[in-house]
Protein backbone atom coordinates (compact mmCIF):
# COMPACT_ATOMS: atom_id res chain seq x y z
CA SER A 1 88.09 108.65 131.18
CA ILE A 2 87.56 112.31 132.00
CA GLN A 3 87.42 113.27 135.68
CA LEU A 4 85.46 116.42 136.55
CA SER A 5 84.96 117.77 140.05
CA GLY A 6 81.41 118.14 141.34
CA GLY A 7 79.71 119.49 144.43
CA SER A 8 77.91 122.76 144.86
CA LYS A 9 78.60 126.43 145.46
CA GLU A 10 76.60 129.26 147.01
CA VAL A 11 75.37 132.10 144.83
CA LYS A 12 74.34 135.49 146.20
CA ASP A 13 71.87 137.96 144.73
CA MET A 14 71.99 136.63 141.15
CA ASN A 15 68.47 137.92 140.51
CA ASN A 16 69.12 141.54 141.44
CA ASN A 17 67.48 143.66 138.74
CA SER A 18 70.32 146.18 139.00
CA ARG A 19 72.92 143.70 137.82
CA SER A 20 74.49 144.51 134.51
CA ILE A 21 75.27 141.78 132.03
CA GLY A 22 77.68 143.16 129.48
CA SER A 23 78.74 140.70 126.81
CA PHE A 24 77.35 137.32 125.83
CA LYS A 25 80.47 135.80 127.38
CA GLN A 26 79.56 137.35 130.74
CA LEU A 27 75.95 136.20 130.40
CA ALA A 28 76.98 132.61 129.60
CA GLU A 29 79.56 132.46 132.39
CA LYS A 30 77.20 133.89 135.04
CA ARG A 31 74.20 131.69 134.26
CA ASN A 32 73.46 128.81 136.62
CA SER A 33 70.62 126.31 136.75
CA VAL A 34 68.48 127.45 139.69
CA ARG A 35 66.62 124.82 141.71
CA ASP A 36 65.28 127.02 144.50
CA PHE A 37 62.47 129.48 143.75
CA LEU A 38 60.58 132.07 145.78
CA ASP A 39 56.79 131.84 145.88
CA VAL A 40 56.23 135.08 143.95
CA LYS A 41 54.37 135.97 140.76
CA LEU A 42 56.44 135.94 137.57
CA ASP A 43 56.58 139.16 135.54
CA ILE A 44 54.66 138.12 132.41
CA GLU A 45 56.08 141.02 130.37
CA LEU A 46 59.66 139.89 131.04
CA LEU A 47 58.66 136.32 130.18
CA THR A 48 57.02 137.25 126.88
CA ASN A 49 59.95 139.53 126.06
CA SER A 50 62.29 136.57 126.59
CA ILE A 51 60.19 134.42 124.26
CA LEU A 52 60.23 137.13 121.59
CA ILE A 53 64.02 137.38 121.87
CA ALA A 54 64.30 133.59 121.49
CA SER A 55 62.05 133.71 118.41
CA ASN A 56 65.03 135.18 116.55
CA THR A 57 66.75 131.78 116.76
CA PRO A 58 67.54 130.35 113.30
CA THR A 59 65.27 127.52 112.17
CA THR A 60 65.22 125.23 109.15
CA CYS A 61 64.21 127.38 106.13
CA ASN A 62 62.98 130.02 108.63
CA ARG A 63 59.91 127.85 109.39
CA GLN A 64 59.69 128.93 113.04
CA PRO A 65 58.02 125.76 114.38
CA ASN A 66 58.57 126.40 118.10
CA LYS A 67 55.96 127.04 120.78
CA VAL A 68 56.03 127.70 124.54
CA TYR A 69 53.28 126.68 126.97
CA TYR A 70 53.30 128.62 130.25
CA LEU A 71 51.87 127.10 133.45
CA SER A 72 51.51 129.39 136.48
CA ASN A 73 48.96 127.48 138.55
CA LYS A 74 51.17 125.83 141.19
CA GLU A 75 48.86 122.82 141.55
CA LYS A 76 48.93 122.20 137.79
CA VAL A 77 52.70 122.77 137.70
CA GLN A 78 53.19 120.15 140.40
CA GLU A 79 50.96 117.66 138.54
CA VAL A 80 53.04 118.11 135.40
CA LEU A 81 56.36 117.91 137.25
CA LYS A 82 55.33 114.48 138.60
CA LEU A 83 55.54 113.29 134.98
CA GLN A 84 59.12 114.57 134.58
CA ASN A 85 61.98 112.50 135.99
CA GLY A 86 64.58 115.10 137.03
CA ASN A 87 63.15 117.35 139.72
CA ALA A 88 63.09 115.11 142.80
CA GLY A 89 64.06 116.94 145.98
CA TRP A 90 63.52 120.46 144.66
CA GLY A 91 60.57 120.50 142.24
CA HIS A 92 58.17 121.40 145.08
CA SER A 93 59.46 125.00 144.96
CA VAL A 94 58.57 125.45 141.26
CA GLY A 95 55.47 127.59 140.72
CA ASN A 96 56.06 128.56 137.09
CA LEU A 97 56.85 126.14 134.29
CA LEU A 98 57.46 126.39 130.56
CA ILE A 99 56.91 123.48 128.18
CA CYS A 100 58.73 123.95 124.89
CA THR A 101 57.57 122.12 121.78
CA THR A 102 58.36 121.96 118.08
CA ASN A 103 55.71 121.19 115.48
CA GLN A 104 56.61 118.29 113.19
CA GLU A 105 54.14 119.49 110.55
CA TYR A 106 56.72 122.08 109.53
CA TYR A 107 59.02 119.30 108.23
CA SER A 108 58.75 116.72 105.48
CA GLY A 109 60.55 113.57 104.42
CA VAL A 110 63.11 111.31 106.03
CA ARG A 111 65.95 113.77 105.42
CA GLU A 112 64.40 116.20 107.91
CA ARG A 113 63.68 113.59 110.58
CA ASN A 114 66.01 115.21 113.16
CA GLN A 115 65.36 118.86 112.40
CA ALA A 116 62.48 119.33 114.87
CA GLN A 117 64.72 118.36 117.79
CA ILE A 118 67.59 120.49 116.49
CA ASP A 119 65.43 123.58 115.88
CA GLY A 120 63.69 123.08 119.22
CA GLY A 121 66.95 122.65 121.12
CA MET A 122 68.45 125.79 119.59
CA PHE A 123 65.31 127.76 120.46
CA CYS A 124 65.40 126.51 124.06
CA MET A 125 69.03 127.53 124.47
CA SER A 126 68.24 131.03 123.21
CA LEU A 127 65.26 131.17 125.56
CA VAL A 128 67.37 130.18 128.57
CA TYR A 129 69.81 133.02 127.90
CA ALA A 130 66.99 135.50 127.20
CA LEU A 131 65.37 134.55 130.51
CA GLU A 132 68.71 135.11 132.25
CA GLU A 133 69.09 138.52 130.63
CA ASN A 134 65.61 139.41 131.90
CA ASN A 135 66.49 138.30 135.45
CA ILE A 136 64.26 135.23 135.35
CA SER A 137 66.02 132.34 137.07
CA ASN A 138 65.58 129.01 135.33
CA CYS A 139 66.46 125.34 135.15
CA THR A 140 66.10 123.15 132.07
CA LEU A 141 64.31 119.84 132.58
CA ASN A 142 64.72 116.96 130.14
CA TRP A 143 61.73 115.16 128.68
CA CYS A 144 63.11 111.62 128.52
CA VAL A 145 59.94 109.57 128.96
CA ASP A 146 58.09 106.70 127.34
CA TYR A 147 55.02 107.00 125.13
CA LYS A 148 52.52 106.58 127.98
CA GLN A 149 54.11 109.35 130.05
CA ASP A 150 54.24 111.62 127.01
CA GLN A 151 50.53 111.05 126.37
CA LYS A 152 49.68 111.93 129.99
CA LEU A 153 51.42 115.29 129.57
CA ARG A 154 49.66 115.97 126.27
CA LYS A 155 46.26 115.39 127.88
CA LYS A 156 47.04 117.59 130.91
CA VAL A 157 48.26 120.53 128.83
CA ASN A 158 46.38 119.92 125.56
CA ILE A 159 49.49 119.56 123.39
CA SER A 160 48.74 118.34 119.87
CA ASP A 161 50.12 115.08 118.51
CA SER A 162 51.98 117.01 115.81
CA GLU A 163 54.21 118.67 118.42
CA ILE A 164 57.35 117.13 119.92
CA VAL A 165 58.01 118.08 123.53
CA ILE A 166 61.62 119.28 123.57
CA MET A 167 61.97 120.13 127.27
CA MET A 168 60.48 121.88 130.25
CA ILE A 169 62.03 124.93 131.90
CA ALA A 170 61.35 125.79 135.54
CA VAL A 171 61.27 129.59 135.89
CA GLY A 172 60.90 132.12 138.67
CA SER A 173 62.71 134.31 141.17
CA ALA A 174 65.57 132.89 143.21
CA PRO A 175 66.11 133.70 146.89
CA GLU A 176 68.96 136.01 147.91
CA LYS A 177 71.22 133.00 148.61
CA TYR A 178 70.98 129.51 147.13
CA LEU A 179 73.14 126.59 146.05
CA VAL A 180 73.93 125.66 142.45
CA THR A 181 75.91 122.74 141.09
CA ASN A 182 79.63 123.33 140.76
CA SER A 183 79.76 122.49 137.07
CA GLN A 184 83.39 122.22 136.03
CA LYS A 185 83.84 122.67 132.28
CA ARG A 186 85.93 120.40 130.10
CA LYS A 187 89.27 121.69 128.78
CA LEU A 188 89.42 123.21 125.31
CA HIS A 189 91.52 120.35 123.88
CA GLU A 190 88.75 117.93 124.90
CA ILE A 191 86.00 119.76 123.00
CA PHE A 192 87.84 121.33 120.04
CA GLU A 193 89.79 119.77 117.20
CA GLU A 194 91.09 121.59 114.14
CA ILE A 195 91.07 119.50 110.97
CA LYS A 196 93.79 120.50 108.51
């Protein structure tokens, strides 16, 4: 079995608007999941710009089935986070939340049964990096729930039955210093194999 070290590390001033992110490699290596947010208003222009950047993500036959719901009312955000099972201990600091969905009506037949999740996941990954580029700290939140929990979310946010909830993303501004998980990456030989 693979042994990876864990723990946490302190990050300083990751959200400084003066920081320069050069290449995609630098962006990917600098990004951390933030679980500590300041109680400040999110810049809606930077958020919508991030969503527009993510809209360039490839989708099946260029169907573009993805949608983002934005919640900024802290009380509503907290109600919704109670339905999600991965924010215990830190979710109370979240005041801005994105819910990402993919519309199943854009697909047809059994051969495309997995495409909504694939297209949605790719869009979410692009969105996470676009948010980072725009200095919006974020943390992806899985949506691994049963049917009843899923229906509760749909009623609270008015999400149609044709949409699959892919994930939530907590967004906002991080404090000057905060802890992130020390996420050791697997070695190349563990994740890459050349077939000759």
